[in-house]
Structures are given as structure tokens and as C-alpha cells.
Amino acid sequence: YLAPILEMRERIANSCEELGYIVNSFGSIVRPQKSWAIFNN
């Protein structure tokens, strides 16, 4: 049921692990300290 969200979560996690950070639509830079927390953060 949640497959589209879970797939997006993986894309975000992969991008963050590659760059070391991720930027949301407000321009906020998020730097998770743990890989499992990427999507949560």
C-alpha cells in the first residue's frame, strides 16, 4: 500500500548517502547522523 512512499524514501536515502546531506523544498539543509534516520530527519 505504501510502496510509492517507501520507494521515495530509498531515493532520498541514496541521495543523502552520496552527498552527505539533503535539501528540502524550503531550502533547509538536513545532515542526518545515522543512515536509518535519513527519511525521519
PDB file of all heavy atoms in Angstrom:
ATOM      1  N   TYR A   1       0.827  -1.203   0.000  1.00  0.00           N
ATOM      2  CA  TYR A   1       0.000   0.000   0.000  1.00  0.00           C
ATOM      3  C   TYR A   1       0.866   1.260   0.000  1.00  0.00           C
ATOM      4  O   TYR A   1       0.589   2.219  -0.733  1.00  0.00           O
ATOM      5  CB  TYR A   1      -0.910  -0.015   1.236  1.00  0.00           C
ATOM      6  CG  TYR A   1      -1.658   1.264   1.499  1.00  0.00           C
ATOM      7  CD1 TYR A   1      -2.485   1.824   0.535  1.00  0.00           C
ATOM      8  CD2 TYR A   1      -1.536   1.918   2.727  1.00  0.00           C
ATOM      9  CE1 TYR A   1      -3.175   3.005   0.780  1.00  0.00           C
ATOM     10  CE2 TYR A   1      -2.224   3.087   2.981  1.00  0.00           C
ATOM     11  CZ  TYR A   1      -3.043   3.633   2.011  1.00  0.00           C
ATOM     12  OH  TYR A   1      -3.721   4.802   2.257  1.00  0.00           O
ATOM     13  N   LEU A   2       1.925   1.260   0.800  1.00  0.00           N
ATOM     14  CA  LEU A   2       2.790   2.436   0.935  1.00  0.00           C
ATOM     15  C   LEU A   2       3.983   2.408  -0.011  1.00  0.00           C
ATOM     16  O   LEU A   2       4.906   3.211   0.143  1.00  0.00           O
ATOM     17  CB  LEU A   2       3.292   2.544   2.382  1.00  0.00           C
ATOM     18  CG  LEU A   2       2.228   2.748   3.471  1.00  0.00           C
ATOM     19  CD1 LEU A   2       2.888   2.764   4.841  1.00  0.00           C
ATOM     20  CD2 LEU A   2       1.441   4.025   3.251  1.00  0.00           C
ATOM     21  N   ALA A   3       3.954   1.534  -0.998  1.00  0.00           N
ATOM     22  CA  ALA A   3       5.106   1.350  -1.896  1.00  0.00           C
ATOM     23  C   ALA A   3       5.633   2.659  -2.487  1.00  0.00           C
ATOM     24  O   ALA A   3       6.859   2.874  -2.508  1.00  0.00           O
ATOM     25  CB  ALA A   3       4.750   0.362  -3.005  1.00  0.00           C
ATOM     26  N   PRO A   4       4.786   3.574  -2.988  1.00  0.00           N
ATOM     27  CA  PRO A   4       5.330   4.824  -3.551  1.00  0.00           C
ATOM     28  C   PRO A   4       6.134   5.634  -2.536  1.00  0.00           C
ATOM     29  O   PRO A   4       7.165   6.226  -2.886  1.00  0.00           O
ATOM     30  CB  PRO A   4       4.065   5.580  -3.998  1.00  0.00           C
ATOM     31  CG  PRO A   4       3.070   4.517  -4.273  1.00  0.00           C
ATOM     32  CD  PRO A   4       3.321   3.480  -3.201  1.00  0.00           C
ATOM     33  N   ILE A   5       5.686   5.650  -1.278  1.00  0.00           N
ATOM     34  CA  ILE A   5       6.418   6.382  -0.248  1.00  0.00           C
ATOM     35  C   ILE A   5       7.713   5.656   0.100  1.00  0.00           C
ATOM     36  O   ILE A   5       8.771   6.284   0.261  1.00  0.00           O
ATOM     37  CB  ILE A   5       5.556   6.565   1.011  1.00  0.00           C
ATOM     38  CG1 ILE A   5       4.310   7.398   0.695  1.00  0.00           C
ATOM     39  CG2 ILE A   5       6.368   7.229   2.128  1.00  0.00           C
ATOM     40  CD1 ILE A   5       3.377   7.589   1.887  1.00  0.00           C
ATOM     41  N   LEU A   6       7.655   4.343   0.210  1.00  0.00           N
ATOM     42  CA  LEU A   6       8.855   3.568   0.549  1.00  0.00           C
ATOM     43  C   LEU A   6       9.910   3.682  -0.543  1.00  0.00           C
ATOM     44  O   LEU A   6      11.109   3.758  -0.260  1.00  0.00           O
ATOM     45  CB  LEU A   6       8.476   2.103   0.777  1.00  0.00           C
ATOM     46  CG  LEU A   6       7.549   1.838   1.972  1.00  0.00           C
ATOM     47  CD1 LEU A   6       7.146   0.371   2.019  1.00  0.00           C
ATOM     48  CD2 LEU A   6       8.214   2.259   3.280  1.00  0.00           C
ATOM     49  N   GLU A   7       9.472   3.714  -1.800  1.00  0.00           N
ATOM     50  CA  GLU A   7      10.410   3.878  -2.910  1.00  0.00           C
ATOM     51  C   GLU A   7      11.043   5.262  -2.881  1.00  0.00           C
ATOM     52  O   GLU A   7      12.243   5.420  -3.139  1.00  0.00           O
ATOM     53  CB  GLU A   7       9.678   3.646  -4.238  1.00  0.00           C
ATOM     54  CG  GLU A   7       9.264   2.188  -4.434  1.00  0.00           C
ATOM     55  CD  GLU A   7       8.270   2.004  -5.578  1.00  0.00           C
ATOM     56  OE1 GLU A   7       7.962   3.012  -6.257  1.00  0.00           O
ATOM     57  OE2 GLU A   7       7.801   0.873  -5.781  1.00  0.00           O
ATOM     58  N   MET A   8      10.241   6.286  -2.568  1.00  0.00           N
ATOM     59  CA  MET A   8      10.786   7.638  -2.453  1.00  0.00           C
ATOM     60  C   MET A   8      11.769   7.726  -1.298  1.00  0.00           C
ATOM     61  O   MET A   8      12.815   8.379  -1.394  1.00  0.00           O
ATOM     62  CB  MET A   8       9.653   8.642  -2.249  1.00  0.00           C
ATOM     63  CG  MET A   8      10.141  10.086  -2.110  1.00  0.00           C
ATOM     64  SD  MET A   8       8.840  11.213  -1.593  1.00  0.00           S
ATOM     65  CE  MET A   8       8.453  10.586   0.039  1.00  0.00           C
ATOM     66  N   ARG A   9      11.447   7.047  -0.208  1.00  0.00           N
ATOM     67  CA  ARG A   9      12.347   7.033   0.948  1.00  0.00           C
ATOM     68  C   ARG A   9      13.719   6.502   0.552  1.00  0.00           C
ATOM     69  O   ARG A   9      14.760   7.043   0.952  1.00  0.00           O
ATOM     70  CB  ARG A   9      11.756   6.166   2.058  1.00  0.00           C
ATOM     71  CG  ARG A   9      12.606   6.110   3.321  1.00  0.00           C
ATOM     72  CD  ARG A   9      12.145   5.008   4.253  1.00  0.00           C
ATOM     73  NE  ARG A   9      12.352   3.691   3.675  1.00  0.00           N
ATOM     74  CZ  ARG A   9      12.032   2.555   4.268  1.00  0.00           C
ATOM     75  NH1 ARG A   9      11.457   2.578   5.454  1.00  0.00           N
ATOM     76  NH2 ARG A   9      12.256   1.392   3.685  1.00  0.00           N
ATOM     77  N   GLU A  10      13.737   5.441  -0.245  1.00  0.00           N
ATOM     78  CA  GLU A  10      15.010   4.864  -0.684  1.00  0.00           C
ATOM     79  C   GLU A  10      15.779   5.824  -1.582  1.00  0.00           C
ATOM     80  O   GLU A  10      17.005   5.936  -1.476  1.00  0.00           O
ATOM     81  CB  GLU A  10      14.759   3.538  -1.413  1.00  0.00           C
ATOM     82  CG  GLU A  10      14.245   2.432  -0.503  1.00  0.00           C
ATOM     83  CD  GLU A  10      15.152   2.205   0.690  1.00  0.00           C
ATOM     84  OE1 GLU A  10      16.374   2.027   0.487  1.00  0.00           O
ATOM     85  OE2 GLU A  10      14.644   2.227   1.832  1.00  0.00           O
ATOM     86  N   ARG A  11      15.066   6.540  -2.463  1.00  0.00           N
ATOM     87  CA  ARG A  11      15.737   7.509  -3.337  1.00  0.00           C
ATOM     88  C   ARG A  11      16.363   8.633  -2.517  1.00  0.00           C
ATOM     89  O   ARG A  11      17.496   9.059  -2.778  1.00  0.00           O
ATOM     90  CB  ARG A  11      14.747   8.089  -4.353  1.00  0.00           C
ATOM     91  CG  ARG A  11      14.239   7.082  -5.378  1.00  0.00           C
ATOM     92  CD  ARG A  11      13.577   7.787  -6.552  1.00  0.00           C
ATOM     93  NE  ARG A  11      12.405   8.562  -6.150  1.00  0.00           N
ATOM     94  CZ  ARG A  11      11.175   8.059  -6.101  1.00  0.00           C
ATOM     95  NH1 ARG A  11      10.960   6.790  -6.410  1.00  0.00           N
ATOM     96  NH2 ARG A  11      10.152   8.824  -5.745  1.00  0.00           N
ATOM     97  N   ILE A  12      15.623   9.106  -1.513  1.00  0.00           N
ATOM     98  CA  ILE A  12      16.145  10.174  -0.655  1.00  0.00           C
ATOM     99  C   ILE A  12      17.352   9.675   0.127  1.00  0.00           C
ATOM    100  O   ILE A  12      18.365  10.370   0.250  1.00  0.00           O
ATOM    101  CB  ILE A  12      15.040  10.673   0.294  1.00  0.00           C
ATOM    102  CG1 ILE A  12      14.001  11.471  -0.494  1.00  0.00           C
ATOM    103  CG2 ILE A  12      15.621  11.528   1.422  1.00  0.00           C
ATOM    104  CD1 ILE A  12      12.791  11.882   0.310  1.00  0.00           C
ATOM    105  N   ALA A  13      17.266   8.463   0.652  1.00  0.00           N
ATOM    106  CA  ALA A  13      18.367   7.898   1.431  1.00  0.00           C
ATOM    107  C   ALA A  13      19.609   7.723   0.573  1.00  0.00           C
ATOM    108  O   ALA A  13      20.726   8.056   1.001  1.00  0.00           O
ATOM    109  CB  ALA A  13      17.947   6.556   2.026  1.00  0.00           C
ATOM    110  N   ASN A  14      19.432   7.241  -0.638  1.00  0.00           N
ATOM    111  CA  ASN A  14      20.579   7.039  -1.539  1.00  0.00           C
ATOM    112  C   ASN A  14      21.240   8.366  -1.890  1.00  0.00           C
ATOM    113  O   ASN A  14      22.477   8.479  -1.920  1.00  0.00           O
ATOM    114  CB  ASN A  14      20.132   6.326  -2.817  1.00  0.00           C
ATOM    115  CG  ASN A  14      19.724   4.887  -2.567  1.00  0.00           C
ATOM    116  OD1 ASN A  14      20.139   4.282  -1.575  1.00  0.00           O
ATOM    117  ND2 ASN A  14      18.912   4.338  -3.443  1.00  0.00           N
ATOM    118  N   SER A  15      20.428   9.379  -2.163  1.00  0.00           N
ATOM    119  CA  SER A  15      20.963  10.690  -2.498  1.00  0.00           C
ATOM    120  C   SER A  15      21.709  11.294  -1.320  1.00  0.00           C
ATOM    121  O   SER A  15      22.799  11.862  -1.477  1.00  0.00           O
ATOM    122  CB  SER A  15      19.819  11.623  -2.926  1.00  0.00           C
ATOM    123  OG  SER A  15      20.299  12.925  -3.175  1.00  0.00           O
ATOM    124  N   CYS A  16      21.149  11.142  -0.125  1.00  0.00           N
ATOM    125  CA  CYS A  16      21.779  11.694   1.070  1.00  0.00           C
ATOM    126  C   CYS A  16      23.101  11.001   1.376  1.00  0.00           C
ATOM    127  O   CYS A  16      24.085  11.649   1.742  1.00  0.00           O
ATOM    128  CB  CYS A  16      20.820  11.568   2.248  1.00  0.00           C
ATOM    129  SG  CYS A  16      21.422  12.345   3.768  1.00  0.00           S
ATOM    130  N   GLU A  17      23.135   9.692   1.227  1.00  0.00           N
ATOM    131  CA  GLU A  17      24.365   8.955   1.496  1.00  0.00           C
ATOM    132  C   GLU A  17      25.458   9.312   0.490  1.00  0.00           C
ATOM    133  O   GLU A  17      26.640   9.304   0.825  1.00  0.00           O
ATOM    134  CB  GLU A  17      24.072   7.459   1.484  1.00  0.00           C
ATOM    135  CG  GLU A  17      23.245   7.005   2.691  1.00  0.00           C
ATOM    136  CD  GLU A  17      22.931   5.527   2.663  1.00  0.00           C
ATOM    137  OE1 GLU A  17      23.201   4.887   1.630  1.00  0.00           O
ATOM    138  OE2 GLU A  17      22.399   5.012   3.667  1.00  0.00           O
ATOM    139  N   GLU A  18      25.046   9.657  -0.718  1.00  0.00           N
ATOM    140  CA  GLU A  18      26.018  10.049  -1.745  1.00  0.00           C
ATOM    141  C   GLU A  18      26.575  11.450  -1.485  1.00  0.00           C
ATOM    142  O   GLU A  18      27.787  11.688  -1.614  1.00  0.00           O
ATOM    143  CB  GLU A  18      25.352  10.014  -3.122  1.00  0.00           C
ATOM    144  CG  GLU A  18      26.274  10.418  -4.260  1.00  0.00           C
ATOM    145  CD  GLU A  18      25.586  10.384  -5.609  1.00  0.00           C
ATOM    146  OE1 GLU A  18      24.471   9.821  -5.708  1.00  0.00           O
ATOM    147  OE2 GLU A  18      26.170  10.915  -6.573  1.00  0.00           O
ATOM    148  N   LEU A  19      25.679  12.383  -1.095  1.00  0.00           N
ATOM    149  CA  LEU A  19      26.086  13.784  -0.918  1.00  0.00           C
ATOM    150  C   LEU A  19      26.480  14.129   0.511  1.00  0.00           C
ATOM    151  O   LEU A  19      27.222  15.090   0.743  1.00  0.00           O
ATOM    152  CB  LEU A  19      24.945  14.710  -1.354  1.00  0.00           C
ATOM    153  CG  LEU A  19      24.494  14.608  -2.823  1.00  0.00           C
ATOM    154  CD1 LEU A  19      23.266  15.480  -3.055  1.00  0.00           C
ATOM    155  CD2 LEU A  19      25.626  15.020  -3.761  1.00  0.00           C
ATOM    156  N   GLY A  20      25.932  13.386   1.476  1.00  0.00           N
ATOM    157  CA  GLY A  20      26.185  13.702   2.868  1.00  0.00           C
ATOM    158  C   GLY A  20      25.137  14.620   3.470  1.00  0.00           C
ATOM    159  O   GLY A  20      25.200  14.955   4.657  1.00  0.00           O
ATOM    160  N   TYR A  21      24.188  15.030   2.669  1.00  0.00           N
ATOM    161  CA  TYR A  21      23.109  15.906   3.149  1.00  0.00           C
ATOM    162  C   TYR A  21      21.968  15.850   2.149  1.00  0.00           C
ATOM    163  O   TYR A  21      22.105  15.294   1.055  1.00  0.00           O
ATOM    164  CB  TYR A  21      23.596  17.352   3.286  1.00  0.00           C
ATOM    165  CG  TYR A  21      23.997  17.978   1.973  1.00  0.00           C
ATOM    166  CD1 TYR A  21      23.068  18.674   1.175  1.00  0.00           C
ATOM    167  CD2 TYR A  21      25.312  17.878   1.491  1.00  0.00           C
ATOM    168  CE1 TYR A  21      23.430  19.232  -0.033  1.00  0.00           C
ATOM    169  CE2 TYR A  21      25.679  18.432   0.281  1.00  0.00           C
ATOM    170  CZ  TYR A  21      24.745  19.118  -0.476  1.00  0.00           C
ATOM    171  OH  TYR A  21      25.105  19.662  -1.692  1.00  0.00           O
ATOM    172  N   ILE A  22      20.837  16.468   2.532  1.00  0.00           N
ATOM    173  CA  ILE A  22      19.706  16.582   1.622  1.00  0.00           C
ATOM    174  C   ILE A  22      19.028  17.915   1.886  1.00  0.00           C
ATOM    175  O   ILE A  22      19.037  18.413   3.016  1.00  0.00           O
ATOM    176  CB  ILE A  22      18.721  15.402   1.785  1.00  0.00           C
ATOM    177  CG1 ILE A  22      17.718  15.390   0.632  1.00  0.00           C
ATOM    178  CG2 ILE A  22      18.039  15.426   3.137  1.00  0.00           C
ATOM    179  CD1 ILE A  22      16.991  14.073   0.484  1.00  0.00           C
ATOM    180  N   VAL A  23      18.466  18.511   0.833  1.00  0.00           N
ATOM    181  CA  VAL A  23      17.833  19.825   0.932  1.00  0.00           C
ATOM    182  C   VAL A  23      16.345  19.675   0.659  1.00  0.00           C
ATOM    183  O   VAL A  23      15.954  19.067  -0.333  1.00  0.00           O
ATOM    184  CB  VAL A  23      18.447  20.814  -0.079  1.00  0.00           C
ATOM    185  CG1 VAL A  23      17.811  22.201   0.087  1.00  0.00           C
ATOM    186  CG2 VAL A  23      19.958  20.893   0.098  1.00  0.00           C
ATOM    187  N   ASN A  24      15.498  20.242   1.552  1.00  0.00           N
ATOM    188  CA  ASN A  24      14.058  20.150   1.323  1.00  0.00           C
ATOM    189  C   ASN A  24      13.555  21.335   0.508  1.00  0.00           C
ATOM    190  O   ASN A  24      14.342  22.203   0.100  1.00  0.00           O
ATOM    191  CB  ASN A  24      13.291  19.994   2.647  1.00  0.00           C
ATOM    192  CG  ASN A  24      13.303  21.245   3.513  1.00  0.00           C
ATOM    193  OD1 ASN A  24      13.546  22.360   3.047  1.00  0.00           O
ATOM    194  ND2 ASN A  24      13.032  21.076   4.797  1.00  0.00           N
ATOM    195  N   SER A  25      12.258  21.397   0.287  1.00  0.00           N
ATOM    196  CA  SER A  25      11.686  22.414  -0.605  1.00  0.00           C
ATOM    197  C   SER A  25      11.757  23.824  -0.035  1.00  0.00           C
ATOM    198  O   SER A  25      11.543  24.799  -0.756  1.00  0.00           O
ATOM    199  CB  SER A  25      10.233  22.062  -0.929  1.00  0.00           C
ATOM    200  OG  SER A  25       9.458  21.921   0.254  1.00  0.00           O
ATOM    201  N   PHE A  26      12.048  23.962   1.268  1.00  0.00           N
ATOM    202  CA  PHE A  26      12.222  25.286   1.870  1.00  0.00           C
ATOM    203  C   PHE A  26      13.685  25.730   1.812  1.00  0.00           C
ATOM    204  O   PHE A  26      14.014  26.818   2.264  1.00  0.00           O
ATOM    205  CB  PHE A  26      11.753  25.260   3.325  1.00  0.00           C
ATOM    206  CG  PHE A  26      10.262  25.314   3.493  1.00  0.00           C
ATOM    207  CD1 PHE A  26       9.502  24.159   3.395  1.00  0.00           C
ATOM    208  CD2 PHE A  26       9.611  26.512   3.734  1.00  0.00           C
ATOM    209  CE1 PHE A  26       8.128  24.197   3.555  1.00  0.00           C
ATOM    210  CE2 PHE A  26       8.234  26.560   3.893  1.00  0.00           C
ATOM    211  CZ  PHE A  26       7.490  25.401   3.796  1.00  0.00           C
ATOM    212  N   GLY A  27      14.544  24.854   1.305  1.00  0.00           N
ATOM    213  CA  GLY A  27      15.968  25.173   1.254  1.00  0.00           C
ATOM    214  C   GLY A  27      16.719  24.790   2.515  1.00  0.00           C
ATOM    215  O   GLY A  27      17.903  25.101   2.654  1.00  0.00           O
ATOM    216  N   SER A  28      16.045  24.122   3.436  1.00  0.00           N
ATOM    217  CA  SER A  28      16.714  23.685   4.673  1.00  0.00           C
ATOM    218  C   SER A  28      17.635  22.503   4.381  1.00  0.00           C
ATOM    219  O   SER A  28      17.232  21.543   3.715  1.00  0.00           O
ATOM    220  CB  SER A  28      15.675  23.279   5.727  1.00  0.00           C
ATOM    221  OG  SER A  28      14.875  24.383   6.111  1.00  0.00           O
ATOM    222  N   ILE A  29      18.839  22.579   4.881  1.00  0.00           N
ATOM    223  CA  ILE A  29      19.822  21.508   4.687  1.00  0.00           C
ATOM    224  C   ILE A  29      19.751  20.554   5.873  1.00  0.00           C
ATOM    225  O   ILE A  29      19.861  20.971   7.029  1.00  0.00           O
ATOM    226  CB  ILE A  29      21.238  22.084   4.552  1.00  0.00           C
ATOM    227  CG1 ILE A  29      21.315  22.992   3.320  1.00  0.00           C
ATOM    228  CG2 ILE A  29      22.268  20.955   4.469  1.00  0.00           C
ATOM    229  CD1 ILE A  29      22.647  23.708   3.178  1.00  0.00           C
ATOM    230  N   VAL A  30      19.552  19.291   5.580  1.00  0.00           N
ATOM    231  CA  VAL A  30      19.422  18.263   6.621  1.00  0.00           C
ATOM    232  C   VAL A  30      20.633  17.345   6.528  1.00  0.00           C
ATOM    233  O   VAL A  30      20.924  16.802   5.460  1.00  0.00           O
ATOM    234  CB  VAL A  30      18.124  17.459   6.440  1.00  0.00           C
ATOM    235  CG1 VAL A  30      17.973  16.441   7.564  1.00  0.00           C
ATOM    236  CG2 VAL A  30      16.914  18.397   6.393  1.00  0.00           C
ATOM    237  N   ARG A  31      21.341  17.162   7.655  1.00  0.00           N
ATOM    238  CA  ARG A  31      22.517  16.294   7.708  1.00  0.00           C
ATOM    239  C   ARG A  31      22.300  15.204   8.756  1.00  0.00           C
ATOM    240  O   ARG A  31      22.739  15.338   9.899  1.00  0.00           O
ATOM    241  CB  ARG A  31      23.777  17.099   8.031  1.00  0.00           C
ATOM    242  CG  ARG A  31      24.130  18.165   7.005  1.00  0.00           C
ATOM    243  CD  ARG A  31      25.406  18.901   7.383  1.00  0.00           C
ATOM    244  NE  ARG A  31      25.716  19.986   6.478  1.00  0.00           N
ATOM    245  CZ  ARG A  31      26.368  19.858   5.327  1.00  0.00           C
ATOM    246  NH1 ARG A  31      26.789  18.661   4.951  1.00  0.00           N
ATOM    247  NH2 ARG A  31      26.601  20.907   4.558  1.00  0.00           N
ATOM    248  N   PRO A  32      21.621  14.130   8.399  1.00  0.00           N
ATOM    249  CA  PRO A  32      21.357  13.046   9.360  1.00  0.00           C
ATOM    250  C   PRO A  32      22.665  12.420   9.855  1.00  0.00           C
ATOM    251  O   PRO A  32      23.623  12.282   9.104  1.00  0.00           O
ATOM    252  CB  PRO A  32      20.537  12.044   8.551  1.00  0.00           C
ATOM    253  CG  PRO A  32      19.973  12.846   7.412  1.00  0.00           C
ATOM    254  CD  PRO A  32      21.021  13.857   7.088  1.00  0.00           C
ATOM    255  N   GLN A  33      22.682  12.042  11.132  1.00  0.00           N
ATOM    256  CA  GLN A  33      23.866  11.423  11.721  1.00  0.00           C
ATOM    257  C   GLN A  33      23.880   9.913  11.543  1.00  0.00           C
ATOM    258  O   GLN A  33      24.933   9.284  11.648  1.00  0.00           O
ATOM    259  CB  GLN A  33      23.934  11.767  13.214  1.00  0.00           C
ATOM    260  CG  GLN A  33      24.047  13.258  13.495  1.00  0.00           C
ATOM    261  CD  GLN A  33      25.278  13.882  12.861  1.00  0.00           C
ATOM    262  OE1 GLN A  33      26.390  13.403  13.081  1.00  0.00           O
ATOM    263  NE2 GLN A  33      25.082  14.922  12.068  1.00  0.00           N
ATOM    264  N   LYS A  34      22.703   9.327  11.282  1.00  0.00           N
ATOM    265  CA  LYS A  34      22.599   7.881  11.110  1.00  0.00           C
ATOM    266  C   LYS A  34      21.783   7.580   9.858  1.00  0.00           C
ATOM    267  O   LYS A  34      20.799   8.262   9.574  1.00  0.00           O
ATOM    268  CB  LYS A  34      21.946   7.241  12.338  1.00  0.00           C
ATOM    269  CG  LYS A  34      22.744   7.456  13.623  1.00  0.00           C
ATOM    270  CD  LYS A  34      22.055   6.836  14.823  1.00  0.00           C
ATOM    271  CE  LYS A  34      22.862   7.061  16.090  1.00  0.00           C
ATOM    272  NZ  LYS A  34      22.198   6.477  17.288  1.00  0.00           N
ATOM    273  N   SER A  35      22.154   6.545   9.131  1.00  0.00           N
ATOM    274  CA  SER A  35      21.504   6.230   7.866  1.00  0.00           C
ATOM    275  C   SER A  35      20.032   5.892   8.030  1.00  0.00           C
ATOM    276  O   SER A  35      19.205   6.274   7.198  1.00  0.00           O
ATOM    277  CB  SER A  35      22.238   5.077   7.171  1.00  0.00           C
ATOM    278  OG  SER A  35      22.236   3.917   7.992  1.00  0.00           O
ATOM    279  N   TRP A  36      19.679   5.199   9.136  1.00  0.00           N
ATOM    280  CA  TRP A  36      18.289   4.811   9.321  1.00  0.00           C
ATOM    281  C   TRP A  36      17.394   6.014   9.610  1.00  0.00           C
ATOM    282  O   TRP A  36      16.171   5.947   9.477  1.00  0.00           O
ATOM    283  CB  TRP A  36      18.144   3.779  10.438  1.00  0.00           C
ATOM    284  CG  TRP A  36      18.636   4.231  11.781  1.00  0.00           C
ATOM    285  CD1 TRP A  36      19.857   3.994  12.331  1.00  0.00           C
ATOM    286  CD2 TRP A  36      17.913   5.014  12.747  1.00  0.00           C
ATOM    287  NE1 TRP A  36      19.953   4.566  13.574  1.00  0.00           N
ATOM    288  CE2 TRP A  36      18.771   5.201  13.859  1.00  0.00           C
ATOM    289  CE3 TRP A  36      16.630   5.554  12.783  1.00  0.00           C
ATOM    290  CZ2 TRP A  36      18.395   5.919  14.983  1.00  0.00           C
ATOM    291  CZ3 TRP A  36      16.243   6.272  13.905  1.00  0.00           C
ATOM    292  CH2 TRP A  36      17.110   6.455  14.985  1.00  0.00           C
ATOM    293  N   ALA A  37      18.016   7.146  10.001  1.00  0.00           N
ATOM    294  CA  ALA A  37      17.246   8.336  10.368  1.00  0.00           C
ATOM    295  C   ALA A  37      17.093   9.335   9.229  1.00  0.00           C
ATOM    296  O   ALA A  37      16.496  10.398   9.416  1.00  0.00           O
ATOM    297  CB  ALA A  37      17.899   9.020  11.563  1.00  0.00           C
ATOM    298  N   ILE A  38      17.608   9.018   8.049  1.00  0.00           N
ATOM    299  CA  ILE A  38      17.595   9.988   6.947  1.00  0.00           C
ATOM    300  C   ILE A  38      16.188  10.468   6.624  1.00  0.00           C
ATOM    301  O   ILE A  38      15.908  11.671   6.612  1.00  0.00           O
ATOM    302  CB  ILE A  38      18.260   9.389   5.684  1.00  0.00           C
ATOM    303  CG1 ILE A  38      19.759   9.205   5.918  1.00  0.00           C
ATOM    304  CG2 ILE A  38      18.018  10.298   4.474  1.00  0.00           C
ATOM    305  CD1 ILE A  38      20.468   8.483   4.775  1.00  0.00           C
ATOM    306  N   PHE A  39      15.289   9.538   6.359  1.00  0.00           N
ATOM    307  CA  PHE A  39      13.941   9.930   5.957  1.00  0.00           C
ATOM    308  C   PHE A  39      13.203  10.588   7.121  1.00  0.00           C
ATOM    309  O   PHE A  39      12.460  11.564   6.924  1.00  0.00           O
ATOM    310  CB  PHE A  39      13.162   8.714   5.456  1.00  0.00           C
ATOM    311  CG  PHE A  39      11.860   9.065   4.784  1.00  0.00           C
ATOM    312  CD1 PHE A  39      11.850   9.811   3.615  1.00  0.00           C
ATOM    313  CD2 PHE A  39      10.649   8.640   5.309  1.00  0.00           C
ATOM    314  CE1 PHE A  39      10.653  10.137   2.987  1.00  0.00           C
ATOM    315  CE2 PHE A  39       9.448   8.964   4.695  1.00  0.00           C
ATOM    316  CZ  PHE A  39       9.455   9.713   3.531  1.00  0.00           C
ATOM    317  N   ASN A  40      13.408  10.085   8.314  1.00  0.00           N
ATOM    318  CA  ASN A  40      12.792  10.666   9.501  1.00  0.00           C
ATOM    319  C   ASN A  40      13.216  12.127   9.660  1.00  0.00           C
ATOM    320  O   ASN A  40      12.383  13.019   9.831  1.00  0.00           O
ATOM    321  CB  ASN A  40      13.200   9.862  10.730  1.00  0.00           C
ATOM    322  CG  ASN A  40      12.480  10.321  11.999  1.00  0.00           C
ATOM    323  OD1 ASN A  40      11.616  11.177  11.951  1.00  0.00           O
ATOM    324  ND2 ASN A  40      12.857   9.755  13.116  1.00  0.00           N
ATOM    325  N   ASN A  41      14.530  12.383   9.592  1.00  0.00           N
ATOM    326  CA  ASN A  41      15.035  13.746   9.737  1.00  0.00           C
ATOM    327  C   ASN A  41      14.547  14.653   8.617  1.00  0.00           C
ATOM    328  O   ASN A  41      14.180  15.814   8.849  1.00  0.00           O
ATOM    329  CB  ASN A  41      16.563  13.742   9.752  1.00  0.00           C
ATOM    330  CG  ASN A  41      17.158  13.088  10.982  1.00  0.00           C
ATOM    331  OD1 ASN A  41      18.375  12.863  11.041  1.00  0.00           O
ATOM    332  ND2 ASN A  41      16.339  12.741  11.969  1.00  0.00           N
TER     333      ASN A  41
END
